[in-house]
Amino acid sequence: MRREMKMISKLLMIMLSSLLFAQDAEKKDLEVGDEAPTWALMYAPGKFEFLRNWSEVKIDKKTGKEKKLRLNVSQPDRHAVVMSFFATWCKPCMKELPILEEVYQKYKDERVKFFLIDITEATRSNPGTVYGMSYKDVPVAGPFLKKKGVTMQILFDNRGTAMKRYNAQTLPRLFMVDGYRNVTFKKRGFPDGEGADEKFKKDISSEIERLLGELPPSKK
């Protein structure tokens, strides 16, 4: 009887822990209107890109004054930001990337930055397989995307820090941020079906146009 009671207690504790974990995961999922978490990610050995170079909150909570961009002297203009989390093992990501590249080519000279955030290395030690491949054997992102003609800047989230902050374990995971570091658009996965490609392109382009129209005048 005591053994049965102990087993029941353990099961209840496991169920409660699972419920709390699920609730915690829900809380961490970013919503439109939330402040986008900052990141500093490597794009080449010893070289880093910062979200705060392009987008930053409007008011500094400590001083009450307008908060400037990290590179305010050399780069004073706020930009919209499009960031997509991906990995080379992610088949839906491979469907999204060429369409996102097409949108990038259209807007690359405007005040909008496109970043591909690679989590391939952050997941390389995962056990088992994905889409029939071992995680440890999947291609390295840089050369892999170059062969596919992708020219957007790749940022390497090798430790999965940004992935966790953005709750981006399900790929692809796309976010759009305005010039004041507010999340304005989010998308998880990439849908199949007729017209999905065009709808994705239209949705992203429409949001970029809206964000560009809301940016403050250039200071350059």
C-alpha atoms as a PDB file:
ATOM      1  CA  MET A   1       0.000   0.000   0.000  1.00  0.00           C
ATOM      2  CA  ARG A   2       2.771   2.416   0.940  1.00  0.00           C
ATOM      3  CA  ARG A   3       4.643   1.559  -2.249  1.00  0.00           C
ATOM      4  CA  GLU A   4       1.526   2.299  -4.312  1.00  0.00           C
ATOM      5  CA  MET A   5       1.032   5.621  -2.531  1.00  0.00           C
ATOM      6  CA  LYS A   6       4.645   6.587  -3.230  1.00  0.00           C
ATOM      7  CA  MET A   7       4.232   5.734  -6.906  1.00  0.00           C
ATOM      8  CA  ILE A   8       1.051   7.805  -7.101  1.00  0.00           C
ATOM      9  CA  SER A   9       2.816  10.719  -5.405  1.00  0.00           C
ATOM     10  CA  LYS A  10       5.701  10.509  -7.879  1.00  0.00           C
ATOM     11  CA  LEU A  11       3.310  10.441 -10.828  1.00  0.00           C
ATOM     12  CA  LEU A  12       1.456  13.473  -9.494  1.00  0.00           C
ATOM     13  CA  MET A  13       4.736  15.343  -9.042  1.00  0.00           C
ATOM     14  CA  ILE A  14       5.782  14.499 -12.613  1.00  0.00           C
ATOM     15  CA  MET A  15       2.412  15.667 -13.965  1.00  0.00           C
ATOM     16  CA  LEU A  16       2.621  18.889 -11.960  1.00  0.00           C
ATOM     17  CA  SER A  17       6.187  19.550 -13.138  1.00  0.00           C
ATOM     18  CA  SER A  18       5.159  18.962 -16.757  1.00  0.00           C
ATOM     19  CA  LEU A  19       2.236  21.358 -16.372  1.00  0.00           C
ATOM     20  CA  LEU A  20       4.418  24.048 -14.821  1.00  0.00           C
ATOM     21  CA  PHE A  21       7.022  23.568 -17.552  1.00  0.00           C
ATOM     22  CA  ALA A  22       4.376  23.934 -20.256  1.00  0.00           C
ATOM     23  CA  GLN A  23       2.998  27.081 -18.627  1.00  0.00           C
ATOM     24  CA  ASP A  24       6.514  28.502 -18.346  1.00  0.00           C
ATOM     25  CA  ALA A  25       7.165  27.773 -22.032  1.00  0.00           C
ATOM     26  CA  GLU A  26       3.961  29.600 -22.949  1.00  0.00           C
ATOM     27  CA  LYS A  27       5.059  32.650 -20.956  1.00  0.00           C
ATOM     28  CA  LYS A  28       8.373  32.730 -22.792  1.00  0.00           C
ATOM     29  CA  ASP A  29       6.750  32.755 -26.231  1.00  0.00           C
ATOM     30  CA  LEU A  30       7.047  36.288 -27.601  1.00  0.00           C
ATOM     31  CA  GLU A  31       3.896  38.050 -28.729  1.00  0.00           C
ATOM     32  CA  VAL A  32       3.350  40.951 -31.098  1.00  0.00           C
ATOM     33  CA  GLY A  33       3.899  44.126 -29.070  1.00  0.00           C
ATOM     34  CA  ASP A  34       6.545  42.585 -26.796  1.00  0.00           C
ATOM     35  CA  GLU A  35      10.005  44.053 -26.485  1.00  0.00           C
ATOM     36  CA  ALA A  36      12.383  42.000 -28.628  1.00  0.00           C
ATOM     37  CA  PRO A  37      15.228  40.498 -26.556  1.00  0.00           C
ATOM     38  CA  THR A  38      18.682  41.829 -27.403  1.00  0.00           C
ATOM     39  CA  TRP A  39      21.396  39.635 -28.892  1.00  0.00           C
ATOM     40  CA  ALA A  40      25.043  39.808 -29.897  1.00  0.00           C
ATOM     41  CA  LEU A  41      25.865  37.125 -32.458  1.00  0.00           C
ATOM     42  CA  MET A  42      29.021  36.260 -34.360  1.00  0.00           C
ATOM     43  CA  TYR A  43      29.049  36.539 -38.159  1.00  0.00           C
ATOM     44  CA  ALA A  44      32.797  35.912 -38.618  1.00  0.00           C
ATOM     45  CA  PRO A  45      35.594  34.862 -36.237  1.00  0.00           C
ATOM     46  CA  GLY A  46      35.899  37.600 -33.628  1.00  0.00           C
ATOM     47  CA  LYS A  47      33.240  39.798 -35.301  1.00  0.00           C
ATOM     48  CA  PHE A  48      29.783  40.341 -33.862  1.00  0.00           C
ATOM     49  CA  GLU A  49      26.500  41.905 -34.925  1.00  0.00           C
ATOM     50  CA  PHE A  50      24.155  43.479 -32.361  1.00  0.00           C
ATOM     51  CA  LEU A  51      20.409  43.967 -32.630  1.00  0.00           C
ATOM     52  CA  ARG A  52      20.911  47.282 -30.815  1.00  0.00           C
ATOM     53  CA  ASN A  53      23.003  48.568 -33.750  1.00  0.00           C
ATOM     54  CA  TRP A  54      19.744  48.883 -35.720  1.00  0.00           C
ATOM     55  CA  SER A  55      16.796  48.831 -33.329  1.00  0.00           C
ATOM     56  CA  GLU A  56      16.481  50.006 -29.736  1.00  0.00           C
ATOM     57  CA  VAL A  57      13.767  50.878 -27.241  1.00  0.00           C
ATOM     58  CA  LYS A  58      12.600  54.477 -27.472  1.00  0.00           C
ATOM     59  CA  ILE A  59      13.022  55.598 -23.854  1.00  0.00           C
ATOM     60  CA  ASP A  60      15.815  54.692 -21.431  1.00  0.00           C
ATOM     61  CA  LYS A  61      14.035  53.533 -18.262  1.00  0.00           C
ATOM     62  CA  LYS A  62      16.897  54.787 -16.074  1.00  0.00           C
ATOM     63  CA  THR A  63      17.243  58.308 -17.488  1.00  0.00           C
ATOM     64  CA  GLY A  64      13.808  58.885 -19.021  1.00  0.00           C
ATOM     65  CA  LYS A  65      15.517  60.156 -22.175  1.00  0.00           C
ATOM     66  CA  GLU A  66      15.463  58.754 -25.700  1.00  0.00           C
ATOM     67  CA  LYS A  67      17.774  55.785 -25.959  1.00  0.00           C
ATOM     68  CA  LYS A  68      20.252  55.892 -28.816  1.00  0.00           C
ATOM     69  CA  LEU A  69      21.406  53.042 -30.985  1.00  0.00           C
ATOM     70  CA  ARG A  70      24.592  51.255 -29.992  1.00  0.00           C
ATOM     71  CA  LEU A  71      26.430  52.646 -33.050  1.00  0.00           C
ATOM     72  CA  ASN A  72      24.828  56.060 -32.847  1.00  0.00           C
ATOM     73  CA  VAL A  73      27.811  57.967 -34.238  1.00  0.00           C
ATOM     74  CA  SER A  74      28.501  55.817 -37.291  1.00  0.00           C
ATOM     75  CA  GLN A  75      24.963  54.448 -37.679  1.00  0.00           C
ATOM     76  CA  PRO A  76      22.359  56.852 -36.233  1.00  0.00           C
ATOM     77  CA  ASP A  77      19.295  55.623 -38.141  1.00  0.00           C
ATOM     78  CA  ARG A  78      16.807  53.178 -36.711  1.00  0.00           C
ATOM     79  CA  HIS A  79      15.931  50.263 -38.988  1.00  0.00           C
ATOM     80  CA  ALA A  80      13.268  47.612 -39.199  1.00  0.00           C
ATOM     81  CA  VAL A  81      14.689  44.124 -38.635  1.00  0.00           C
ATOM     82  CA  VAL A  82      13.703  40.764 -40.118  1.00  0.00           C
ATOM     83  CA  MET A  83      15.261  37.753 -38.386  1.00  0.00           C
ATOM     84  CA  SER A  84      14.676  34.101 -39.164  1.00  0.00           C
ATOM     85  CA  PHE A  85      15.988  31.244 -37.020  1.00  0.00           C
ATOM     86  CA  PHE A  86      17.007  28.229 -39.102  1.00  0.00           C
ATOM     87  CA  ALA A  87      19.225  25.135 -39.218  1.00  0.00           C
ATOM     88  CA  THR A  88      20.636  23.215 -42.163  1.00  0.00           C
ATOM     89  CA  TRP A  89      18.737  20.085 -41.084  1.00  0.00           C
ATOM     90  CA  CYS A  90      15.399  21.933 -41.238  1.00  0.00           C
ATOM     91  CA  LYS A  91      13.500  21.082 -44.436  1.00  0.00           C
ATOM     92  CA  PRO A  92      10.771  23.728 -43.953  1.00  0.00           C
ATOM     93  CA  CYS A  93      13.575  26.299 -43.582  1.00  0.00           C
ATOM     94  CA  MET A  94      14.822  25.359 -47.047  1.00  0.00           C
ATOM     95  CA  LYS A  95      11.375  26.237 -48.419  1.00  0.00           C
ATOM     96  CA  GLU A  96      11.356  29.600 -46.657  1.00  0.00           C
ATOM     97  CA  LEU A  97      14.918  30.716 -47.483  1.00  0.00           C
ATOM     98  CA  PRO A  98      14.621  31.292 -51.273  1.00  0.00           C
ATOM     99  CA  ILE A  99      11.445  33.333 -50.797  1.00  0.00           C
ATOM    100  CA  LEU A 100      13.017  35.350 -48.001  1.00  0.00           C
ATOM    101  CA  GLU A 101      16.069  35.890 -50.221  1.00  0.00           C
ATOM    102  CA  GLU A 102      13.783  37.252 -52.939  1.00  0.00           C
ATOM    103  CA  VAL A 103      12.220  39.707 -50.485  1.00  0.00           C
ATOM    104  CA  TYR A 104      15.690  40.657 -49.255  1.00  0.00           C
ATOM    105  CA  GLN A 105      16.851  41.468 -52.786  1.00  0.00           C
ATOM    106  CA  LYS A 106      13.863  43.790 -53.164  1.00  0.00           C
ATOM    107  CA  TYR A 107      14.498  45.711 -49.922  1.00  0.00           C
ATOM    108  CA  LYS A 108      18.249  45.363 -49.290  1.00  0.00           C
ATOM    109  CA  ASP A 109      18.877  49.056 -50.055  1.00  0.00           C
ATOM    110  CA  GLU A 110      16.091  50.238 -47.728  1.00  0.00           C
ATOM    111  CA  ARG A 111      16.192  50.788 -43.971  1.00  0.00           C
ATOM    112  CA  VAL A 112      15.499  47.165 -43.126  1.00  0.00           C
ATOM    113  CA  LYS A 113      18.035  44.554 -42.005  1.00  0.00           C
ATOM    114  CA  PHE A 114      17.708  40.839 -42.737  1.00  0.00           C
ATOM    115  CA  PHE A 115      19.440  38.318 -40.477  1.00  0.00           C
ATOM    116  CA  LEU A 116      19.469  34.530 -40.697  1.00  0.00           C
ATOM    117  CA  ILE A 117      20.159  33.180 -37.215  1.00  0.00           C
ATOM    118  CA  ASP A 118      21.743  29.745 -37.487  1.00  0.00           C
ATOM    119  CA  ILE A 119      21.224  27.237 -34.662  1.00  0.00           C
ATOM    120  CA  THR A 120      22.806  24.268 -36.466  1.00  0.00           C
ATOM    121  CA  GLU A 121      25.804  24.141 -34.117  1.00  0.00           C
ATOM    122  CA  ALA A 122      23.603  24.671 -31.049  1.00  0.00           C
ATOM    123  CA  THR A 123      21.740  21.469 -31.932  1.00  0.00           C
ATOM    124  CA  ARG A 124      24.652  19.407 -33.278  1.00  0.00           C
ATOM    125  CA  SER A 125      25.043  17.488 -30.015  1.00  0.00           C
ATOM    126  CA  ASN A 126      21.362  16.500 -29.971  1.00  0.00           C
ATOM    127  CA  PRO A 127      20.883  12.721 -29.817  1.00  0.00           C
ATOM    128  CA  GLY A 128      19.146  10.762 -32.551  1.00  0.00           C
ATOM    129  CA  THR A 129      18.294  11.836 -36.071  1.00  0.00           C
ATOM    130  CA  VAL A 130      16.295  14.514 -37.845  1.00  0.00           C
ATOM    131  CA  TYR A 131      14.799  14.037 -41.316  1.00  0.00           C
ATOM    132  CA  GLY A 132      16.857  10.849 -41.597  1.00  0.00           C
ATOM    133  CA  MET A 133      20.160  12.551 -40.715  1.00  0.00           C
ATOM    134  CA  SER A 134      22.224  12.446 -37.552  1.00  0.00           C
ATOM    135  CA  TYR A 135      22.459  15.911 -35.997  1.00  0.00           C
ATOM    136  CA  LYS A 136      26.234  15.584 -35.806  1.00  0.00           C
ATOM    137  CA  ASP A 137      26.491  14.990 -39.561  1.00  0.00           C
ATOM    138  CA  VAL A 138      24.377  17.876 -40.886  1.00  0.00           C
ATOM    139  CA  PRO A 139      26.143  20.485 -43.082  1.00  0.00           C
ATOM    140  CA  VAL A 140      27.773  23.633 -41.736  1.00  0.00           C
ATOM    141  CA  ALA A 141      25.565  26.631 -42.507  1.00  0.00           C
ATOM    142  CA  GLY A 142      27.924  29.036 -44.317  1.00  0.00           C
ATOM    143  CA  PRO A 143      29.081  26.883 -47.249  1.00  0.00           C
ATOM    144  CA  PHE A 144      25.700  25.132 -47.403  1.00  0.00           C
ATOM    145  CA  LEU A 145      23.729  28.357 -47.934  1.00  0.00           C
ATOM    146  CA  LYS A 146      26.324  29.802 -50.295  1.00  0.00           C
ATOM    147  CA  LYS A 147      25.745  26.851 -52.632  1.00  0.00           C
ATOM    148  CA  LYS A 148      22.025  27.607 -52.505  1.00  0.00           C
ATOM    149  CA  GLY A 149      22.588  31.225 -53.554  1.00  0.00           C
ATOM    150  CA  VAL A 150      21.538  32.753 -50.227  1.00  0.00           C
ATOM    151  CA  THR A 151      23.242  36.130 -49.709  1.00  0.00           C
ATOM    152  CA  MET A 152      21.516  37.348 -46.535  1.00  0.00           C
ATOM    153  CA  GLN A 153      23.796  37.807 -43.542  1.00  0.00           C
ATOM    154  CA  ILE A 154      24.146  34.701 -41.381  1.00  0.00           C
ATOM    155  CA  LEU A 155      24.569  35.067 -37.624  1.00  0.00           C
ATOM    156  CA  PHE A 156      25.759  32.051 -35.659  1.00  0.00           C
ATOM    157  CA  ASP A 157      23.896  31.307 -32.441  1.00  0.00           C
ATOM    158  CA  ASN A 158      26.277  28.483 -31.538  1.00  0.00           C
ATOM    159  CA  ARG A 159      25.251  28.311 -27.891  1.00  0.00           C
ATOM    160  CA  GLY A 160      21.534  28.700 -28.547  1.00  0.00           C
ATOM    161  CA  THR A 161      21.261  31.853 -26.414  1.00  0.00           C
ATOM    162  CA  ALA A 162      19.097  33.815 -28.848  1.00  0.00           C
ATOM    163  CA  MET A 163      17.135  30.657 -29.690  1.00  0.00           C
ATOM    164  CA  LYS A 164      16.116  30.332 -26.027  1.00  0.00           C
ATOM    165  CA  ARG A 165      15.319  34.028 -25.639  1.00  0.00           C
ATOM    166  CA  TYR A 166      13.016  33.885 -28.651  1.00  0.00           C
ATOM    167  CA  ASN A 167      11.686  30.390 -27.858  1.00  0.00           C
ATOM    168  CA  ALA A 168      12.701  29.380 -31.378  1.00  0.00           C
ATOM    169  CA  GLN A 169      13.078  25.630 -31.024  1.00  0.00           C
ATOM    170  CA  THR A 170      10.476  25.010 -33.758  1.00  0.00           C
ATOM    171  CA  LEU A 171      11.903  26.027 -37.128  1.00  0.00           C
ATOM    172  CA  PRO A 172      11.781  28.148 -39.125  1.00  0.00           C
ATOM    173  CA  ARG A 173      10.896  30.887 -36.627  1.00  0.00           C
ATOM    174  CA  LEU A 174      10.620  34.372 -38.073  1.00  0.00           C
ATOM    175  CA  PHE A 175      10.260  37.679 -36.244  1.00  0.00           C
ATOM    176  CA  MET A 176       9.983  41.250 -37.463  1.00  0.00           C
ATOM    177  CA  VAL A 177      10.941  44.168 -35.232  1.00  0.00           C
ATOM    178  CA  ASP A 178      10.361  47.883 -35.654  1.00  0.00           C
ATOM    179  CA  GLY A 179      12.927  50.634 -35.078  1.00  0.00           C
ATOM    180  CA  TYR A 180      12.083  50.705 -31.376  1.00  0.00           C
ATOM    181  CA  ARG A 181      12.683  46.994 -30.742  1.00  0.00           C
ATOM    182  CA  ASN A 182       9.017  46.035 -30.649  1.00  0.00           C
ATOM    183  CA  VAL A 183       7.952  42.688 -32.107  1.00  0.00           C
ATOM    184  CA  THR A 184       5.443  43.473 -34.860  1.00  0.00           C
ATOM    185  CA  PHE A 185       5.193  40.137 -36.670  1.00  0.00           C
ATOM    186  CA  LYS A 186       5.977  36.499 -35.922  1.00  0.00           C
ATOM    187  CA  LYS A 187       5.659  33.254 -37.807  1.00  0.00           C
ATOM    188  CA  ARG A 188       6.377  29.652 -36.813  1.00  0.00           C
ATOM    189  CA  GLY A 189       7.074  26.977 -39.441  1.00  0.00           C
ATOM    190  CA  PHE A 190       6.379  27.182 -43.144  1.00  0.00           C
ATOM    191  CA  PRO A 191       3.047  26.000 -44.558  1.00  0.00           C
ATOM    192  CA  ASP A 192       2.550  23.664 -47.471  1.00  0.00           C
ATOM    193  CA  GLY A 193      -0.150  23.975 -50.050  1.00  0.00           C
ATOM    194  CA  GLU A 194      -0.977  25.941 -53.153  1.00  0.00           C
ATOM    195  CA  GLY A 195      -0.317  29.653 -52.844  1.00  0.00           C
ATOM    196  CA  ALA A 196       1.666  29.353 -49.600  1.00  0.00           C
ATOM    197  CA  ASP A 197       4.818  30.849 -51.139  1.00  0.00           C
ATOM    198  CA  GLU A 198       3.045  33.894 -52.536  1.00  0.00           C
ATOM    199  CA  LYS A 199       1.101  34.485 -49.328  1.00  0.00           C
ATOM    200  CA  PHE A 200       4.306  34.376 -47.280  1.00  0.00           C
ATOM    201  CA  LYS A 201       6.008  36.828 -49.647  1.00  0.00           C
ATOM    202  CA  LYS A 202       2.995  39.154 -49.579  1.00  0.00           C
ATOM    203  CA  ASP A 203       2.685  39.085 -45.774  1.00  0.00           C
ATOM    204  CA  ILE A 204       6.386  39.835 -45.231  1.00  0.00           C
ATOM    205  CA  SER A 205       6.513  42.561 -47.880  1.00  0.00           C
ATOM    206  CA  SER A 206       3.378  44.256 -46.542  1.00  0.00           C
ATOM    207  CA  GLU A 207       4.793  44.366 -43.019  1.00  0.00           C
ATOM    208  CA  ILE A 208       8.132  45.728 -44.270  1.00  0.00           C
ATOM    209  CA  GLU A 209       6.337  48.500 -46.160  1.00  0.00           C
ATOM    210  CA  ARG A 210       4.367  49.392 -43.039  1.00  0.00           C
ATOM    211  CA  LEU A 211       7.476  49.452 -40.847  1.00  0.00           C
ATOM    212  CA  LEU A 212       9.444  51.548 -43.332  1.00  0.00           C
ATOM    213  CA  GLY A 213       6.614  54.077 -43.350  1.00  0.00           C
ATOM    214  CA  GLU A 214       6.745  54.379 -39.550  1.00  0.00           C
ATOM    215  CA  LEU A 215      10.503  54.868 -39.164  1.00  0.00           C
ATOM    216  CA  PRO A 216      11.665  58.307 -37.992  1.00  0.00           C
ATOM    217  CA  PRO A 217      13.397  60.534 -40.585  1.00  0.00           C
ATOM    218  CA  SER A 218      16.987  59.667 -41.403  1.00  0.00           C
ATOM    219  CA  LYS A 219      19.674  61.514 -39.436  1.00  0.00           C
ATOM    220  CA  LYS A 220      22.346  61.018 -42.077  1.00  0.00           C
END
